[in-house]
Structures are given as structure tokens and as C-alpha cells.
Amino acid sequence: MPSASSPLRIPVADLLRRPGASREIQVEARLADVRTAGAEVTADRPVEVDATLERISDGIVVRGTVNAHWNALCSRCLAAVEGNATVHVDELFEPHPLEGETYRLDDDIVDLEPMIRDALVFEMPAAPLCDPDCAGLCPTCGADRNTTTCDCHVEDVDPRWAALRSLEL
């Protein structure tokens, strides 16, 4: 849970008093523990939010972009990989949110952290690659096929069909 002084907790009392009012924001904050099975947002670099907050009858709409740096290991050769995730957000914050559809508007505060986490998890790669043509590791000796060759013989047979080899026709 973010602290009360988090830059991602935006006071919106002025917007709530004026239907149709809007305000642009640019916020940077560090987030920890934003990860998927394949990648994670680095806590040493801030997540950037550039958005517009707009008062509508149901609450506050946040529209803009979230940008974050991520690190991972290549899913084929285990080399370090990094990149940026930039995702568009268009989300509603309301006093009584619908589970999984909208976000909570706490009195006069919009807490952007849950929205940012949700957006980034869907944008980060599930199986990052150092290069689209990455050859990966040899399954027999473990050599990195991108930098060296090995003499291992690897048979490309689908193990689900292995039992059919024993049939004599």
C-alpha cells in the first residue's frame, strides 16, 4: 500500500467541485514489486505518468500514458534484456468501484498506483527475447548457441509421438 505522501496519490477536491473541469499531471515515482513471470519494472528508475484528470458525473477519468523501464532474462538464452513499456490508460475512478472494471476514488484522492500496476503487467513481455532470432541454449550441454557451437546431436522429435517409433508396420 502506498504511503500517504506518495506522488501517485493525487488530490482532486478542486475537480470534484467543478463538473467538466480537467487538469493535466506529470508524475514520476518509483514502484517496487511490479513483475510478471517474464519481466519486472526496475525499482531504481521511476515510472512516468503523463495524464489528464477530468471530472465527470461518475467520478474522475484518468487518460494518458504510463512509461516504465523493465528488466528480464531472455526466455531462450538467459541473457539480460531490458526495455521500456509504454501503455495508454483511460480509466474511471469512482466512490463505489466495480470490481475489476473501475478504481476507487477515496474522498478527494485518486491513487494512481493500482491503475499503473495493472496497466504495466499487461504491457510487459511474457517471454522476453534478447533478439527475435535468438538460438537459445543447447539442451544437452547448455552452451549458448548465439556465441558458440557445440557437437551435441539434438533430435527435433515431438515427445508425444515417441511411442509410435516402436510400432512395426
N, C-alpha and C. Protein backbone atom coordinates (compact mmCIF):
# COMPACT_ATOMS: atom_id res chain seq x y z
N MET A 1 0.84 -1.18 0.00
CA MET A 1 0.00 0.00 0.00
C MET A 1 0.88 1.24 0.00
N PRO A 2 0.62 2.23 -0.86
CA PRO A 2 1.44 3.41 -0.95
C PRO A 2 1.27 4.29 0.28
N SER A 3 2.29 5.07 0.56
CA SER A 3 2.23 5.97 1.71
C SER A 3 1.33 7.15 1.38
N ALA A 4 0.90 7.86 2.42
CA ALA A 4 0.02 9.00 2.24
C ALA A 4 0.70 10.10 1.43
N SER A 5 2.03 10.17 1.47
CA SER A 5 2.75 11.22 0.77
C SER A 5 3.24 10.79 -0.61
N SER A 6 2.76 9.67 -1.12
CA SER A 6 3.18 9.17 -2.43
C SER A 6 2.81 10.17 -3.52
N PRO A 7 3.73 10.42 -4.47
CA PRO A 7 3.39 11.32 -5.58
C PRO A 7 2.29 10.75 -6.48
N LEU A 8 1.97 9.47 -6.31
CA LEU A 8 0.91 8.85 -7.10
C LEU A 8 -0.47 9.05 -6.50
N ARG A 9 -0.53 9.63 -5.31
CA ARG A 9 -1.81 9.96 -4.67
C ARG A 9 -2.11 11.42 -4.99
N ILE A 10 -3.04 11.63 -5.91
CA ILE A 10 -3.32 12.96 -6.45
C ILE A 10 -4.58 13.54 -5.80
N PRO A 11 -4.46 14.71 -5.14
CA PRO A 11 -5.65 15.36 -4.58
C PRO A 11 -6.52 15.94 -5.72
N VAL A 12 -7.82 15.66 -5.65
CA VAL A 12 -8.72 16.09 -6.72
C VAL A 12 -9.94 16.84 -6.20
N ALA A 13 -9.86 17.40 -4.99
CA ALA A 13 -11.01 18.11 -4.40
C ALA A 13 -11.46 19.25 -5.31
N ASP A 14 -10.52 19.96 -5.92
CA ASP A 14 -10.88 21.07 -6.80
C ASP A 14 -11.67 20.58 -8.02
N LEU A 15 -11.32 19.42 -8.55
CA LEU A 15 -12.04 18.87 -9.71
C LEU A 15 -13.43 18.38 -9.32
N LEU A 16 -13.53 17.79 -8.13
CA LEU A 16 -14.83 17.26 -7.69
C LEU A 16 -15.87 18.36 -7.51
N ARG A 17 -15.44 19.57 -7.22
CA ARG A 17 -16.37 20.69 -7.03
C ARG A 17 -16.82 21.31 -8.35
N ARG A 18 -16.14 20.97 -9.48
CA ARG A 18 -16.45 21.60 -10.76
C ARG A 18 -16.64 20.54 -11.85
N PRO A 19 -17.87 20.07 -12.08
CA PRO A 19 -18.10 19.10 -13.15
C PRO A 19 -17.59 19.62 -14.49
N GLY A 20 -16.91 18.75 -15.22
CA GLY A 20 -16.36 19.13 -16.52
C GLY A 20 -14.95 19.68 -16.45
N ALA A 21 -14.48 19.97 -15.24
CA ALA A 21 -13.13 20.52 -15.08
C ALA A 21 -12.08 19.44 -15.35
N SER A 22 -10.90 19.86 -15.77
CA SER A 22 -9.82 18.91 -16.01
C SER A 22 -8.49 19.53 -15.61
N ARG A 23 -7.51 18.64 -15.42
CA ARG A 23 -6.16 19.08 -15.03
C ARG A 23 -5.15 18.10 -15.61
N GLU A 24 -4.08 18.63 -16.16
CA GLU A 24 -3.00 17.77 -16.66
C GLU A 24 -2.00 17.54 -15.53
N ILE A 25 -1.48 16.30 -15.49
CA ILE A 25 -0.47 15.97 -14.49
C ILE A 25 0.70 15.26 -15.15
N GLN A 26 1.85 15.44 -14.58
CA GLN A 26 3.05 14.69 -14.94
C GLN A 26 3.69 14.28 -13.63
N VAL A 27 3.78 12.96 -13.43
CA VAL A 27 4.25 12.42 -12.16
C VAL A 27 5.32 11.38 -12.42
N GLU A 28 6.34 11.35 -11.57
CA GLU A 28 7.34 10.30 -11.58
C GLU A 28 7.42 9.70 -10.20
N ALA A 29 7.46 8.38 -10.12
CA ALA A 29 7.57 7.70 -8.83
C ALA A 29 8.21 6.33 -9.04
N ARG A 30 8.88 5.87 -8.02
CA ARG A 30 9.48 4.53 -8.07
C ARG A 30 8.48 3.53 -7.50
N LEU A 31 8.36 2.39 -8.20
CA LEU A 31 7.48 1.32 -7.75
C LEU A 31 8.28 0.05 -7.57
N ALA A 32 7.99 -0.68 -6.53
CA ALA A 32 8.64 -1.97 -6.28
C ALA A 32 7.63 -3.08 -6.51
N ASP A 33 8.14 -4.26 -6.81
CA ASP A 33 7.31 -5.46 -6.95
C ASP A 33 6.27 -5.38 -8.05
N VAL A 34 6.63 -4.77 -9.19
CA VAL A 34 5.78 -4.83 -10.36
C VAL A 34 6.46 -5.82 -11.29
N ARG A 35 5.91 -7.03 -11.37
CA ARG A 35 6.56 -8.07 -12.17
C ARG A 35 5.55 -9.04 -12.74
N THR A 36 5.99 -9.67 -13.81
CA THR A 36 5.25 -10.76 -14.42
C THR A 36 6.16 -11.98 -14.36
N ALA A 37 5.72 -13.08 -14.94
CA ALA A 37 6.57 -14.27 -14.97
C ALA A 37 7.82 -14.02 -15.80
N GLY A 38 7.76 -13.07 -16.75
CA GLY A 38 8.88 -12.85 -17.64
C GLY A 38 9.72 -11.62 -17.38
N ALA A 39 9.16 -10.58 -16.75
CA ALA A 39 9.89 -9.31 -16.60
C ALA A 39 9.47 -8.60 -15.33
N GLU A 40 10.27 -7.60 -14.94
CA GLU A 40 9.91 -6.78 -13.79
C GLU A 40 10.32 -5.34 -14.02
N VAL A 41 9.54 -4.42 -13.47
CA VAL A 41 9.87 -3.00 -13.53
C VAL A 41 10.99 -2.75 -12.54
N THR A 42 12.01 -2.05 -12.99
CA THR A 42 13.16 -1.80 -12.13
C THR A 42 12.81 -0.72 -11.11
N ALA A 43 13.10 -0.99 -9.85
CA ALA A 43 12.78 -0.05 -8.78
C ALA A 43 13.76 1.12 -8.74
N ASP A 44 14.88 1.00 -9.47
CA ASP A 44 15.87 2.08 -9.45
C ASP A 44 15.55 3.20 -10.43
N ARG A 45 14.57 3.00 -11.31
CA ARG A 45 14.17 4.04 -12.26
C ARG A 45 12.70 4.35 -12.08
N PRO A 46 12.33 5.62 -12.14
CA PRO A 46 10.93 5.98 -11.88
C PRO A 46 9.99 5.60 -13.02
N VAL A 47 8.76 5.35 -12.65
CA VAL A 47 7.67 5.18 -13.60
C VAL A 47 7.15 6.58 -13.88
N GLU A 48 6.91 6.87 -15.15
CA GLU A 48 6.44 8.21 -15.53
C GLU A 48 4.98 8.14 -15.97
N VAL A 49 4.21 9.11 -15.48
CA VAL A 49 2.79 9.20 -15.84
C VAL A 49 2.54 10.59 -16.41
N ASP A 50 1.97 10.64 -17.59
CA ASP A 50 1.59 11.90 -18.22
C ASP A 50 0.12 11.75 -18.57
N ALA A 51 -0.74 12.45 -17.84
CA ALA A 51 -2.18 12.19 -17.99
C ALA A 51 -3.01 13.45 -17.77
N THR A 52 -4.27 13.33 -18.13
CA THR A 52 -5.26 14.35 -17.86
C THR A 52 -6.32 13.76 -16.94
N LEU A 53 -6.65 14.47 -15.88
CA LEU A 53 -7.71 14.08 -14.96
C LEU A 53 -8.92 14.93 -15.29
N GLU A 54 -10.07 14.29 -15.50
CA GLU A 54 -11.27 15.02 -15.88
C GLU A 54 -12.43 14.61 -14.99
N ARG A 55 -13.16 15.60 -14.50
CA ARG A 55 -14.33 15.36 -13.65
C ARG A 55 -15.52 15.04 -14.55
N ILE A 56 -16.13 13.89 -14.31
CA ILE A 56 -17.37 13.52 -14.99
C ILE A 56 -18.40 13.22 -13.90
N SER A 57 -19.62 12.93 -14.28
CA SER A 57 -20.68 12.72 -13.28
C SER A 57 -20.40 11.54 -12.37
N ASP A 58 -19.73 10.48 -12.88
CA ASP A 58 -19.47 9.29 -12.08
C ASP A 58 -18.23 9.40 -11.19
N GLY A 59 -17.35 10.34 -11.48
CA GLY A 59 -16.11 10.46 -10.71
C GLY A 59 -15.04 11.18 -11.50
N ILE A 60 -13.85 10.59 -11.56
CA ILE A 60 -12.70 11.19 -12.25
C ILE A 60 -12.19 10.19 -13.30
N VAL A 61 -12.02 10.66 -14.53
CA VAL A 61 -11.43 9.85 -15.59
C VAL A 61 -9.97 10.25 -15.73
N VAL A 62 -9.11 9.25 -15.79
CA VAL A 62 -7.67 9.48 -15.99
C VAL A 62 -7.33 8.94 -17.38
N ARG A 63 -6.85 9.85 -18.26
CA ARG A 63 -6.44 9.47 -19.62
C ARG A 63 -5.01 9.92 -19.84
N GLY A 64 -4.20 9.02 -20.36
CA GLY A 64 -2.82 9.40 -20.64
C GLY A 64 -1.94 8.20 -20.89
N THR A 65 -0.65 8.35 -20.61
CA THR A 65 0.31 7.27 -20.83
C THR A 65 1.13 7.02 -19.57
N VAL A 66 1.53 5.77 -19.44
CA VAL A 66 2.42 5.32 -18.38
C VAL A 66 3.64 4.74 -19.07
N ASN A 67 4.82 5.15 -18.61
CA ASN A 67 6.07 4.66 -19.20
C ASN A 67 6.95 4.13 -18.07
N ALA A 68 7.49 2.92 -18.27
CA ALA A 68 8.34 2.31 -17.25
C ALA A 68 9.45 1.49 -17.90
N HIS A 69 10.57 1.43 -17.25
CA HIS A 69 11.71 0.62 -17.69
C HIS A 69 11.58 -0.76 -17.05
N TRP A 70 11.83 -1.82 -17.83
CA TRP A 70 11.75 -3.18 -17.28
C TRP A 70 13.04 -3.94 -17.57
N ASN A 71 13.31 -4.92 -16.74
CA ASN A 71 14.44 -5.85 -16.89
C ASN A 71 13.91 -7.26 -16.91
N ALA A 72 14.65 -8.14 -17.59
CA ALA A 72 14.25 -9.56 -17.66
C ALA A 72 15.44 -10.39 -18.10
N LEU A 73 15.23 -11.69 -18.16
CA LEU A 73 16.19 -12.61 -18.75
C LEU A 73 15.57 -13.16 -20.02
N CYS A 74 16.39 -13.29 -21.06
CA CYS A 74 15.90 -13.83 -22.32
C CYS A 74 15.32 -15.23 -22.06
N SER A 75 14.15 -15.48 -22.59
CA SER A 75 13.49 -16.77 -22.33
C SER A 75 14.15 -17.93 -23.07
N ARG A 76 15.10 -17.64 -23.96
CA ARG A 76 15.79 -18.72 -24.67
C ARG A 76 17.23 -18.93 -24.20
N CYS A 77 17.98 -17.82 -23.98
CA CYS A 77 19.41 -17.97 -23.65
C CYS A 77 19.78 -17.42 -22.27
N LEU A 78 18.84 -16.83 -21.56
CA LEU A 78 19.03 -16.29 -20.21
C LEU A 78 19.94 -15.07 -20.15
N ALA A 79 20.18 -14.39 -21.28
CA ALA A 79 20.93 -13.14 -21.28
C ALA A 79 20.05 -12.03 -20.71
N ALA A 80 20.68 -11.02 -20.14
CA ALA A 80 19.95 -9.87 -19.60
C ALA A 80 19.29 -9.10 -20.74
N VAL A 81 18.03 -8.74 -20.54
CA VAL A 81 17.25 -8.00 -21.52
C VAL A 81 16.58 -6.84 -20.79
N GLU A 82 16.48 -5.71 -21.44
CA GLU A 82 15.75 -4.60 -20.86
C GLU A 82 14.99 -3.87 -21.93
N GLY A 83 14.01 -3.10 -21.51
CA GLY A 83 13.22 -2.34 -22.47
C GLY A 83 12.31 -1.36 -21.75
N ASN A 84 11.50 -0.68 -22.50
CA ASN A 84 10.53 0.26 -21.95
C ASN A 84 9.13 -0.20 -22.30
N ALA A 85 8.24 -0.08 -21.36
CA ALA A 85 6.83 -0.37 -21.59
C ALA A 85 6.09 0.97 -21.56
N THR A 86 5.41 1.28 -22.63
CA THR A 86 4.58 2.49 -22.68
C THR A 86 3.17 2.04 -22.97
N VAL A 87 2.26 2.43 -22.11
CA VAL A 87 0.88 1.97 -22.26
C VAL A 87 -0.08 3.14 -22.07
N HIS A 88 -1.12 3.15 -22.90
CA HIS A 88 -2.17 4.17 -22.80
C HIS A 88 -3.17 3.73 -21.72
N VAL A 89 -3.58 4.67 -20.89
CA VAL A 89 -4.60 4.38 -19.87
C VAL A 89 -5.79 5.29 -20.09
N ASP A 90 -6.95 4.78 -19.81
CA ASP A 90 -8.21 5.51 -19.90
C ASP A 90 -9.12 4.87 -18.87
N GLU A 91 -9.02 5.32 -17.63
CA GLU A 91 -9.68 4.62 -16.51
C GLU A 91 -10.55 5.56 -15.68
N LEU A 92 -11.61 4.98 -15.10
CA LEU A 92 -12.54 5.71 -14.25
C LEU A 92 -12.26 5.42 -12.78
N PHE A 93 -12.18 6.48 -11.99
CA PHE A 93 -12.08 6.38 -10.53
C PHE A 93 -13.40 6.89 -9.97
N GLU A 94 -14.06 6.04 -9.15
CA GLU A 94 -15.36 6.41 -8.60
C GLU A 94 -15.47 5.97 -7.15
N PRO A 95 -16.39 6.58 -6.39
CA PRO A 95 -16.51 6.25 -4.95
C PRO A 95 -16.85 4.79 -4.69
N HIS A 96 -17.66 4.19 -5.55
CA HIS A 96 -18.06 2.79 -5.39
C HIS A 96 -17.65 2.02 -6.65
N PRO A 97 -16.38 1.61 -6.72
CA PRO A 97 -15.88 0.99 -7.95
C PRO A 97 -16.46 -0.40 -8.20
N LEU A 98 -16.52 -0.75 -9.47
CA LEU A 98 -16.93 -2.09 -9.88
C LEU A 98 -15.68 -2.95 -9.92
N GLU A 99 -15.69 -4.06 -9.21
CA GLU A 99 -14.53 -4.94 -9.10
C GLU A 99 -13.98 -5.30 -10.48
N GLY A 100 -12.72 -5.00 -10.71
CA GLY A 100 -12.06 -5.33 -11.97
C GLY A 100 -12.39 -4.42 -13.13
N GLU A 101 -13.22 -3.41 -12.92
CA GLU A 101 -13.61 -2.52 -14.02
C GLU A 101 -13.22 -1.07 -13.78
N THR A 102 -13.40 -0.59 -12.55
CA THR A 102 -13.06 0.80 -12.24
C THR A 102 -12.20 0.82 -10.97
N TYR A 103 -11.68 2.00 -10.66
CA TYR A 103 -10.80 2.16 -9.49
C TYR A 103 -11.46 3.05 -8.45
N ARG A 104 -10.98 2.91 -7.22
CA ARG A 104 -11.57 3.60 -6.09
C ARG A 104 -11.13 5.06 -6.02
N LEU A 105 -12.10 5.94 -5.81
CA LEU A 105 -11.89 7.35 -5.54
C LEU A 105 -12.08 7.54 -4.05
N ASP A 106 -10.98 7.68 -3.30
CA ASP A 106 -11.04 7.83 -1.85
C ASP A 106 -11.23 9.30 -1.49
N ASP A 107 -12.43 9.66 -1.06
CA ASP A 107 -12.76 11.04 -0.69
C ASP A 107 -12.33 11.98 -1.81
N ASP A 108 -11.21 12.65 -1.65
CA ASP A 108 -10.75 13.58 -2.68
C ASP A 108 -9.36 13.21 -3.19
N ILE A 109 -9.05 11.90 -3.18
CA ILE A 109 -7.73 11.41 -3.61
C ILE A 109 -7.90 10.35 -4.71
N VAL A 110 -7.12 10.50 -5.79
CA VAL A 110 -7.02 9.49 -6.83
C VAL A 110 -5.66 8.83 -6.63
N ASP A 111 -5.66 7.54 -6.30
CA ASP A 111 -4.41 6.80 -6.12
C ASP A 111 -4.12 6.08 -7.43
N LEU A 112 -3.11 6.55 -8.16
CA LEU A 112 -2.79 6.02 -9.48
C LEU A 112 -2.05 4.68 -9.44
N GLU A 113 -1.48 4.31 -8.30
CA GLU A 113 -0.64 3.11 -8.24
C GLU A 113 -1.34 1.83 -8.69
N PRO A 114 -2.55 1.50 -8.22
CA PRO A 114 -3.18 0.26 -8.70
C PRO A 114 -3.41 0.26 -10.22
N MET A 115 -3.78 1.40 -10.77
CA MET A 115 -4.00 1.50 -12.21
C MET A 115 -2.69 1.30 -12.97
N ILE A 116 -1.61 1.90 -12.48
CA ILE A 116 -0.30 1.77 -13.13
C ILE A 116 0.17 0.32 -13.10
N ARG A 117 0.03 -0.32 -11.94
CA ARG A 117 0.43 -1.73 -11.83
C ARG A 117 -0.34 -2.61 -12.81
N ASP A 118 -1.65 -2.43 -12.87
CA ASP A 118 -2.47 -3.22 -13.78
C ASP A 118 -2.07 -2.99 -15.23
N ALA A 119 -1.87 -1.74 -15.61
CA ALA A 119 -1.52 -1.41 -16.99
C ALA A 119 -0.17 -2.00 -17.38
N LEU A 120 0.81 -1.89 -16.50
CA LEU A 120 2.16 -2.38 -16.82
C LEU A 120 2.24 -3.90 -16.89
N VAL A 121 1.51 -4.58 -16.03
CA VAL A 121 1.55 -6.05 -16.03
C VAL A 121 1.09 -6.59 -17.39
N PHE A 122 0.11 -5.95 -18.00
CA PHE A 122 -0.38 -6.40 -19.30
C PHE A 122 0.53 -5.99 -20.44
N GLU A 123 1.36 -4.98 -20.24
CA GLU A 123 2.22 -4.47 -21.31
C GLU A 123 3.60 -5.11 -21.35
N MET A 124 4.09 -5.60 -20.22
CA MET A 124 5.43 -6.19 -20.18
C MET A 124 5.44 -7.54 -20.89
N PRO A 125 6.56 -7.90 -21.50
CA PRO A 125 6.61 -9.16 -22.25
C PRO A 125 6.52 -10.38 -21.35
N ALA A 126 5.76 -11.38 -21.78
CA ALA A 126 5.64 -12.62 -21.02
C ALA A 126 6.85 -13.52 -21.24
N ALA A 127 7.42 -13.49 -22.43
CA ALA A 127 8.59 -14.30 -22.77
C ALA A 127 9.57 -13.40 -23.53
N PRO A 128 10.31 -12.54 -22.81
CA PRO A 128 11.21 -11.61 -23.49
C PRO A 128 12.35 -12.32 -24.21
N LEU A 129 12.78 -11.72 -25.31
CA LEU A 129 13.89 -12.26 -26.08
C LEU A 129 14.96 -11.19 -26.24
N CYS A 130 16.23 -11.62 -26.20
CA CYS A 130 17.33 -10.69 -26.43
C CYS A 130 17.38 -10.28 -27.90
N ASP A 131 16.91 -11.17 -28.78
CA ASP A 131 16.88 -10.95 -30.22
C ASP A 131 15.81 -11.90 -30.78
N PRO A 132 15.02 -11.46 -31.73
CA PRO A 132 14.00 -12.36 -32.28
C PRO A 132 14.58 -13.65 -32.86
N ASP A 133 15.85 -13.60 -33.28
CA ASP A 133 16.49 -14.79 -33.85
C ASP A 133 17.37 -15.51 -32.83
N CYS A 134 17.15 -15.29 -31.55
CA CYS A 134 17.97 -15.93 -30.51
C CYS A 134 17.92 -17.45 -30.68
N ALA A 135 19.10 -18.07 -30.70
CA ALA A 135 19.19 -19.53 -30.88
C ALA A 135 19.03 -20.29 -29.57
N GLY A 136 19.15 -19.61 -28.45
CA GLY A 136 18.94 -20.26 -27.15
C GLY A 136 20.13 -21.08 -26.69
N LEU A 137 19.88 -21.89 -25.67
CA LEU A 137 20.90 -22.75 -25.09
C LEU A 137 20.75 -24.17 -25.61
N CYS A 138 21.87 -24.87 -25.74
CA CYS A 138 21.83 -26.28 -26.13
C CYS A 138 21.19 -27.06 -24.99
N PRO A 139 20.17 -27.87 -25.26
CA PRO A 139 19.51 -28.62 -24.19
C PRO A 139 20.38 -29.74 -23.63
N THR A 140 21.44 -30.10 -24.32
CA THR A 140 22.31 -31.18 -23.86
C THR A 140 23.46 -30.66 -23.01
N CYS A 141 24.24 -29.70 -23.55
CA CYS A 141 25.43 -29.22 -22.83
C CYS A 141 25.27 -27.84 -22.22
N GLY A 142 24.22 -27.11 -22.59
CA GLY A 142 23.98 -25.79 -22.02
C GLY A 142 24.74 -24.66 -22.69
N ALA A 143 25.44 -24.91 -23.78
CA ALA A 143 26.19 -23.87 -24.48
C ALA A 143 25.23 -22.84 -25.08
N ASP A 144 25.65 -21.58 -25.05
CA ASP A 144 24.87 -20.51 -25.66
C ASP A 144 25.07 -20.58 -27.16
N ARG A 145 24.05 -20.96 -27.89
CA ARG A 145 24.15 -21.15 -29.33
C ARG A 145 24.31 -19.84 -30.10
N ASN A 146 24.14 -18.70 -29.43
CA ASN A 146 24.34 -17.40 -30.07
C ASN A 146 25.82 -17.07 -30.18
N THR A 147 26.64 -17.61 -29.28
CA THR A 147 28.05 -17.25 -29.24
C THR A 147 28.99 -18.40 -29.57
N THR A 148 28.51 -19.63 -29.53
CA THR A 148 29.38 -20.78 -29.77
C THR A 148 28.57 -21.91 -30.40
N THR A 149 29.29 -22.87 -30.94
CA THR A 149 28.63 -24.07 -31.46
C THR A 149 29.09 -25.26 -30.62
N CYS A 150 28.28 -26.28 -30.59
CA CYS A 150 28.65 -27.49 -29.85
C CYS A 150 28.43 -28.69 -30.77
N ASP A 151 28.96 -29.82 -30.37
CA ASP A 151 28.86 -31.03 -31.18
C ASP A 151 27.70 -31.93 -30.74
N CYS A 152 26.84 -31.42 -29.92
CA CYS A 152 25.72 -32.23 -29.43
C CYS A 152 24.72 -32.49 -30.55
N HIS A 153 24.18 -33.67 -30.55
CA HIS A 153 23.16 -34.04 -31.53
C HIS A 153 21.80 -33.90 -30.85
N VAL A 154 20.99 -33.02 -31.37
CA VAL A 154 19.66 -32.78 -30.81
C VAL A 154 18.64 -33.18 -31.85
N GLU A 155 17.80 -34.10 -31.50
CA GLU A 155 16.77 -34.59 -32.41
C GLU A 155 15.49 -33.82 -32.14
N ASP A 156 14.94 -33.23 -33.17
CA ASP A 156 13.71 -32.46 -33.03
C ASP A 156 12.51 -33.37 -33.23
N VAL A 157 12.20 -34.15 -32.21
CA VAL A 157 11.06 -35.06 -32.26
C VAL A 157 10.09 -34.66 -31.15
N ASP A 158 8.87 -34.53 -31.52
CA ASP A 158 7.84 -34.21 -30.54
C ASP A 158 7.67 -35.43 -29.64
N PRO A 159 7.89 -35.30 -28.33
CA PRO A 159 7.82 -36.46 -27.43
C PRO A 159 6.44 -37.12 -27.40
N ARG A 160 5.42 -36.41 -27.81
CA ARG A 160 4.09 -37.02 -27.82
C ARG A 160 3.98 -38.12 -28.88
N TRP A 161 4.87 -38.11 -29.89
CA TRP A 161 4.86 -39.11 -30.96
C TRP A 161 5.91 -40.19 -30.75
N ALA A 162 6.70 -40.11 -29.71
CA ALA A 162 7.80 -41.04 -29.46
C ALA A 162 7.33 -42.49 -29.39
N ALA A 163 6.18 -42.75 -28.83
CA ALA A 163 5.69 -44.12 -28.69
C ALA A 163 5.42 -44.78 -30.04
N LEU A 164 5.15 -43.98 -31.06
CA LEU A 164 4.86 -44.54 -32.38
C LEU A 164 6.12 -45.10 -33.05
N ARG A 165 7.30 -44.73 -32.60
CA ARG A 165 8.54 -45.23 -33.16
C ARG A 165 8.66 -46.74 -32.99
N SER A 166 8.13 -47.26 -31.92
CA SER A 166 8.27 -48.68 -31.64
C SER A 166 7.33 -49.56 -32.48
N LEU A 167 6.40 -48.96 -33.16
CA LEU A 167 5.46 -49.72 -34.00
C LEU A 167 6.16 -50.24 -35.25
N GLU A 168 5.91 -51.48 -35.58
CA GLU A 168 6.44 -52.04 -36.81
C GLU A 168 5.30 -52.18 -37.80
N LEU A 169 5.43 -51.54 -38.90
CA LEU A 169 4.36 -51.58 -39.92
C LEU A 169 4.81 -52.29 -41.16
